[in-house]
C-alpha atoms as a PDB file:
ATOM      1  CA  UNK A   1      18.547  -8.355  -7.733  1.00  0.00           C
ATOM      2  CA  UNK A   2      17.716  -4.690  -7.268  1.00  0.00           C
ATOM      3  CA  UNK A   3      17.578  -5.091  -3.491  1.00  0.00           C
ATOM      4  CA  UNK A   4      21.008  -6.716  -3.407  1.00  0.00           C
ATOM      5  CA  UNK A   5      22.375  -4.011  -5.700  1.00  0.00           C
ATOM      6  CA  UNK A   6      20.973  -1.390  -3.260  1.00  0.00           C
ATOM      7  CA  UNK A   7      18.737   0.096  -5.949  1.00  0.00           C
ATOM      8  CA  UNK A   8      15.988   0.385  -3.372  1.00  0.00           C
ATOM      9  CA  UNK A   9      13.655   2.854  -5.104  1.00  0.00           C
ATOM     10  CA  UNK A  10      13.597   0.734  -8.265  1.00  0.00           C
ATOM     11  CA  UNK A  11      13.111  -2.448  -6.244  1.00  0.00           C
ATOM     12  CA  UNK A  12      10.161  -0.988  -4.342  1.00  0.00           C
ATOM     13  CA  UNK A  13       8.540   0.292  -7.550  1.00  0.00           C
ATOM     14  CA  UNK A  14       8.784  -3.103  -9.246  1.00  0.00           C
ATOM     15  CA  UNK A  15       7.637  -5.018  -6.174  1.00  0.00           C
ATOM     16  CA  UNK A  16       4.578  -2.840  -5.645  1.00  0.00           C
ATOM     17  CA  UNK A  17       3.689  -3.129  -9.342  1.00  0.00           C
ATOM     18  CA  UNK A  18       3.545  -6.936  -8.958  1.00  0.00           C
ATOM     19  CA  UNK A  19       1.409  -7.096  -5.834  1.00  0.00           C
ATOM     20  CA  UNK A  20      -0.292 -10.394  -6.766  1.00  0.00           C
ATOM     21  CA  UNK A  21       2.543 -12.363  -5.167  1.00  0.00           C
ATOM     22  CA  UNK A  22       2.818 -12.966  -1.434  1.00  0.00           C
ATOM     23  CA  UNK A  23       6.631 -12.962  -1.606  1.00  0.00           C
ATOM     24  CA  UNK A  24       6.500  -9.750  -3.664  1.00  0.00           C
ATOM     25  CA  UNK A  25       4.255  -8.107  -1.087  1.00  0.00           C
ATOM     26  CA  UNK A  26       6.553  -9.269   1.727  1.00  0.00           C
ATOM     27  CA  UNK A  27       9.678  -7.953  -0.020  1.00  0.00           C
ATOM     28  CA  UNK A  28       7.958  -4.641  -0.826  1.00  0.00           C
ATOM     29  CA  UNK A  29       7.072  -4.228   2.861  1.00  0.00           C
ATOM     30  CA  UNK A  30      10.652  -5.044   3.945  1.00  0.00           C
ATOM     31  CA  UNK A  31      12.049  -2.497   1.463  1.00  0.00           C
ATOM     32  CA  UNK A  32       9.518   0.091   2.650  1.00  0.00           C
ATOM     33  CA  UNK A  33      10.311  -0.517   6.339  1.00  0.00           C
ATOM     34  CA  UNK A  34      14.103  -0.828   6.136  1.00  0.00           C
ATOM     35  CA  UNK A  35      14.998   1.142   3.004  1.00  0.00           C
ATOM     36  CA  UNK A  36      18.690   1.013   2.155  1.00  0.00           C
ATOM     37  CA  UNK A  37      19.369  -1.000   5.296  1.00  0.00           C
ATOM     38  CA  UNK A  38      17.357  -4.030   4.136  1.00  0.00           C
ATOM     39  CA  UNK A  39      19.472  -7.186   4.224  1.00  0.00           C
ATOM     40  CA  UNK A  40      19.219 -10.959   4.212  1.00  0.00           C
ATOM     41  CA  UNK A  41      18.138 -11.148   7.835  1.00  0.00           C
ATOM     42  CA  UNK A  42      15.035  -9.080   7.045  1.00  0.00           C
ATOM     43  CA  UNK A  43      14.192 -11.155   3.999  1.00  0.00           C
ATOM     44  CA  UNK A  44      14.850 -14.484   5.717  1.00  0.00           C
ATOM     45  CA  UNK A  45      11.816 -14.062   7.983  1.00  0.00           C
ATOM     46  CA  UNK A  46       9.321 -14.940   5.242  1.00  0.00           C
ATOM     47  CA  UNK A  47       7.373 -18.106   5.966  1.00  0.00           C
ATOM     48  CA  UNK A  48       4.970 -19.698   3.519  1.00  0.00           C
ATOM     49  CA  UNK A  49       4.568 -23.117   1.976  1.00  0.00           C
ATOM     50  CA  UNK A  50       1.923 -22.650  -0.712  1.00  0.00           C
ATOM     51  CA  UNK A  51       2.987 -23.867  -4.145  1.00  0.00           C
ATOM     52  CA  UNK A  52       2.807 -20.492  -5.918  1.00  0.00           C
ATOM     53  CA  UNK A  53       4.982 -18.803  -3.303  1.00  0.00           C
ATOM     54  CA  UNK A  54       7.546 -21.591  -3.431  1.00  0.00           C
ATOM     55  CA  UNK A  55       7.661 -21.271  -7.228  1.00  0.00           C
ATOM     56  CA  UNK A  56       8.184 -17.504  -6.899  1.00  0.00           C
ATOM     57  CA  UNK A  57      11.068 -18.090  -4.484  1.00  0.00           C
ATOM     58  CA  UNK A  58      12.629 -20.621  -6.874  1.00  0.00           C
ATOM     59  CA  UNK A  59      12.380 -18.072  -9.704  1.00  0.00           C
ATOM     60  CA  UNK A  60      14.042 -15.430  -7.531  1.00  0.00           C
ATOM     61  CA  UNK A  61      16.952 -17.738  -6.741  1.00  0.00           C
ATOM     62  CA  UNK A  62      17.298 -18.678 -10.417  1.00  0.00           C
ATOM     63  CA  UNK A  63      17.677 -14.988 -11.357  1.00  0.00           C
ATOM     64  CA  UNK A  64      20.158 -14.395  -8.517  1.00  0.00           C
ATOM     65  CA  UNK A  65      22.263 -17.329  -9.725  1.00  0.00           C
ATOM     66  CA  UNK A  66      22.133 -16.106 -13.332  1.00  0.00           C
ATOM     67  CA  UNK A  67      23.249 -12.654 -12.224  1.00  0.00           C
ATOM     68  CA  UNK A  68      25.921 -14.181  -9.973  1.00  0.00           C
ATOM     69  CA  UNK A  69      24.525 -12.411  -6.927  1.00  0.00           C
END
């Protein structure tokens, strides 16, 4: 949500605090590399099929839907 709201510093801080998730680590790296210019095309490059990562992605989409983002 914070990435989509362009609250990049907050997003990076939260993502680096939760570094036990492969999707979290990927998003933190994308935010670090692209800063305020991060967008869906940067995020869409993530590829993983392990169960925990897929659950994390499902949780992310659930929050985005709840927040109507």
